[in-house]
């Protein structure tokens, strides 16, 4: 399957991915545009962890939760993924109550089940238990009207690593400002 990004930038607006499929048996060629809307990113995770490989997972949601996600009322700041009884659970992700919902609406910080294949769950769970990694949600997005979450294996940063990252970012800003002044 060939994927090519249609929109050049990486913005939180709709980004189109092109899926291409060729069937030799019937000589059918079709193109399908997949719309992706990034709803929330976990910027705190990039500050507190060294982010490794990430994997896309579905989320088991109720009706008012998906409506609230489509409105963008989500926070992944304190969220993490916990393996429990052969399943992965998203914990502390705040999905605000849907305003137009009834009084029987969902709880904002309830644990939510992540939907992955059994081999993927076993692989991630073994890496968390054996190698000391943490599973952190990095991005929540809507892909073809389904809510998906990108979960990454992460290793915690030490305080000096955080300071080094901040210092590196400041130096890059200074260099950018200097080159901008020279161009004017």
Protein backbone atom coordinates (compact mmCIF):
# COMPACT_ATOMS: atom_id res chain seq x y z
CA UNK A 1 0.00 0.00 0.00
CA UNK A 2 1.45 3.35 -1.02
CA UNK A 3 0.93 6.33 1.26
CA UNK A 4 1.68 9.84 0.12
CA UNK A 5 0.90 12.98 2.07
CA UNK A 6 -1.26 15.42 0.14
CA UNK A 7 -0.88 18.52 2.31
CA UNK A 8 2.76 19.49 2.70
CA UNK A 9 2.68 20.80 6.28
CA UNK A 10 1.99 19.06 9.53
CA UNK A 11 -0.86 21.05 10.98
CA UNK A 12 -3.65 20.19 13.35
CA UNK A 13 -6.12 20.78 10.54
CA UNK A 14 -7.27 18.05 8.20
CA UNK A 15 -4.40 16.19 6.64
CA UNK A 16 -5.09 13.89 3.74
CA UNK A 17 -3.34 10.60 3.18
CA UNK A 18 -3.70 8.87 -0.14
CA UNK A 19 -4.25 5.12 -0.15
CA UNK A 20 -3.53 3.26 -3.36
CA UNK A 21 -4.53 -0.31 -4.06
CA UNK A 22 -3.90 -2.33 -7.19
CA UNK A 23 -5.70 -5.61 -7.76
CA UNK A 24 -4.07 -7.71 -10.46
CA UNK A 25 -6.88 -10.24 -10.58
CA UNK A 26 -9.51 -7.77 -11.74
CA UNK A 27 -7.27 -4.90 -12.83
CA UNK A 28 -9.00 -2.47 -10.49
CA UNK A 29 -7.24 0.70 -9.46
CA UNK A 30 -8.83 3.06 -6.98
CA UNK A 31 -7.76 5.96 -4.84
CA UNK A 32 -9.18 6.83 -1.45
CA UNK A 33 -8.46 9.94 0.58
CA UNK A 34 -8.32 9.38 4.34
CA UNK A 35 -9.01 12.46 6.45
CA UNK A 36 -7.06 12.81 9.70
CA UNK A 37 -7.86 15.52 12.24
CA UNK A 38 -5.42 15.80 15.13
CA UNK A 39 -7.47 16.56 18.24
CA UNK A 40 -4.87 16.58 21.03
CA UNK A 41 -1.14 16.12 21.45
CA UNK A 42 0.67 15.28 24.66
CA UNK A 43 3.40 17.92 24.71
CA UNK A 44 4.19 17.09 28.33
CA UNK A 45 5.23 13.58 27.28
CA UNK A 46 7.89 14.97 24.94
CA UNK A 47 9.26 17.02 27.83
CA UNK A 48 9.27 14.23 30.43
CA UNK A 49 10.20 11.18 28.32
CA UNK A 50 12.50 9.99 25.56
CA UNK A 51 9.87 8.87 23.04
CA UNK A 52 10.53 5.62 21.15
CA UNK A 53 8.37 3.60 18.77
CA UNK A 54 4.70 4.49 18.56
CA UNK A 55 1.71 2.41 17.54
CA UNK A 56 -1.84 3.32 16.53
CA UNK A 57 -4.64 1.99 18.72
CA UNK A 58 -8.40 2.35 18.73
CA UNK A 59 -10.33 3.41 21.84
CA UNK A 60 -13.56 1.97 23.22
CA UNK A 61 -15.74 5.06 23.79
CA UNK A 62 -19.33 5.93 24.61
CA UNK A 63 -21.47 8.20 22.44
CA UNK A 64 -20.98 11.39 24.44
CA UNK A 65 -17.21 10.81 24.60
CA UNK A 66 -16.77 10.72 20.82
CA UNK A 67 -18.90 13.85 20.47
CA UNK A 68 -16.73 15.63 23.02
CA UNK A 69 -13.57 14.46 21.21
CA UNK A 70 -14.90 15.82 17.92
CA UNK A 71 -15.37 19.17 19.68
CA UNK A 72 -11.70 19.02 20.75
CA UNK A 73 -12.36 18.94 24.50
CA UNK A 74 -9.57 16.48 25.39
CA UNK A 75 -6.44 16.66 27.54
CA UNK A 76 -3.71 14.02 27.54
CA UNK A 77 -1.40 15.85 29.96
CA UNK A 78 -1.40 13.35 32.84
CA UNK A 79 -2.48 10.31 30.84
CA UNK A 80 -0.64 7.00 30.67
CA UNK A 81 -1.36 3.46 29.45
CA UNK A 82 -1.47 0.59 31.93
CA UNK A 83 -1.37 -3.11 30.98
CA UNK A 84 -3.87 -5.08 33.05
CA UNK A 85 -5.12 -8.66 32.60
CA UNK A 86 -4.00 -8.96 28.98
CA UNK A 87 -5.52 -5.61 27.98
CA UNK A 88 -4.24 -2.05 27.70
CA UNK A 89 -6.11 0.72 29.51
CA UNK A 90 -5.82 4.47 28.96
CA UNK A 91 -5.79 6.08 32.42
CA UNK A 92 -6.18 9.76 33.43
CA UNK A 93 -7.08 11.02 29.96
CA UNK A 94 -9.53 13.86 30.49
CA UNK A 95 -12.40 13.92 28.01
CA UNK A 96 -14.77 16.70 29.06
CA UNK A 97 -18.47 15.98 29.51
CA UNK A 98 -20.54 16.66 26.43
CA UNK A 99 -22.58 19.81 27.05
CA UNK A 100 -25.65 18.71 25.10
CA UNK A 101 -25.66 15.27 26.78
CA UNK A 102 -27.98 14.25 29.58
CA UNK A 103 -27.14 13.86 33.23
CA UNK A 104 -26.17 10.24 32.45
CA UNK A 105 -23.12 11.40 30.53
CA UNK A 106 -19.68 9.80 30.95
CA UNK A 107 -17.12 10.43 33.69
CA UNK A 108 -14.33 12.72 32.52
CA UNK A 109 -11.35 10.63 33.72
CA UNK A 110 -12.64 7.07 33.56
CA UNK A 111 -10.25 4.34 32.31
CA UNK A 112 -10.75 3.52 28.62
CA UNK A 113 -9.87 0.26 26.90
CA UNK A 114 -7.43 0.41 23.99
CA UNK A 115 -8.14 -1.78 20.97
CA UNK A 116 -5.10 -3.62 19.61
CA UNK A 117 -4.27 -7.06 18.26
CA UNK A 118 -3.25 -9.69 20.83
CA UNK A 119 0.35 -9.90 19.53
CA UNK A 120 0.73 -6.13 19.76
CA UNK A 121 -0.58 -6.11 23.34
CA UNK A 122 1.76 -8.95 24.35
CA UNK A 123 4.75 -7.25 22.72
CA UNK A 124 4.10 -3.88 24.41
CA UNK A 125 3.37 -5.49 27.79
CA UNK A 126 6.59 -7.51 27.71
CA UNK A 127 8.66 -4.42 26.89
CA UNK A 128 7.03 -2.49 29.72
CA UNK A 129 7.63 -5.26 32.26
CA UNK A 130 11.12 -6.37 31.18
CA UNK A 131 12.88 -3.27 29.88
CA UNK A 132 11.36 -0.63 32.16
CA UNK A 133 9.60 1.37 29.45
CA UNK A 134 6.41 3.33 30.00
CA UNK A 135 3.48 3.49 27.60
CA UNK A 136 2.50 7.10 26.97
CA UNK A 137 -0.27 8.46 24.73
CA UNK A 138 1.31 10.92 22.34
CA UNK A 139 -1.50 12.02 20.02
CA UNK A 140 -5.28 11.63 19.79
CA UNK A 141 -6.81 12.03 16.35
CA UNK A 142 -9.87 11.20 14.29
CA UNK A 143 -9.18 9.02 11.25
CA UNK A 144 -12.12 8.22 8.96
CA UNK A 145 -14.61 9.18 11.70
CA UNK A 146 -12.95 6.80 14.21
CA UNK A 147 -11.01 8.01 17.24
CA UNK A 148 -7.44 6.69 17.30
CA UNK A 149 -4.61 7.24 19.73
CA UNK A 150 -0.88 7.00 19.11
CA UNK A 151 0.78 5.18 22.02
CA UNK A 152 4.57 5.34 22.35
CA UNK A 153 7.13 3.39 24.31
CA UNK A 154 8.96 5.94 26.42
CA UNK A 155 11.85 6.08 28.86
CA UNK A 156 11.80 8.72 31.61
CA UNK A 157 14.15 11.68 31.36
CA UNK A 158 16.37 12.74 34.23
CA UNK A 159 16.39 16.36 35.39
CA UNK A 160 19.69 17.10 33.65
CA UNK A 161 18.27 15.72 30.38
CA UNK A 162 15.35 18.15 30.62
CA UNK A 163 17.72 21.05 31.26
CA UNK A 164 19.86 20.01 28.30
CA UNK A 165 16.80 19.92 26.03
CA UNK A 166 15.71 23.39 27.15
CA UNK A 167 19.24 24.77 26.64
CA UNK A 168 19.43 23.24 23.15
CA UNK A 169 16.06 24.76 22.24
CA UNK A 170 17.19 28.20 23.45
CA UNK A 171 20.39 27.99 21.38
CA UNK A 172 18.39 27.06 18.28
CA UNK A 173 16.11 30.06 18.86
CA UNK A 174 19.12 32.38 19.20
CA UNK A 175 20.61 31.03 15.96
CA UNK A 176 17.26 31.48 14.20
CA UNK A 177 16.98 35.08 15.41
CA UNK A 178 20.56 35.85 14.35
CA UNK A 179 20.06 34.46 10.84
CA UNK A 180 16.78 36.33 10.55
CA UNK A 181 18.48 39.62 11.46
CA UNK A 182 21.26 39.01 8.92
CA UNK A 183 18.73 38.41 6.13
CA UNK A 184 17.07 41.79 6.82
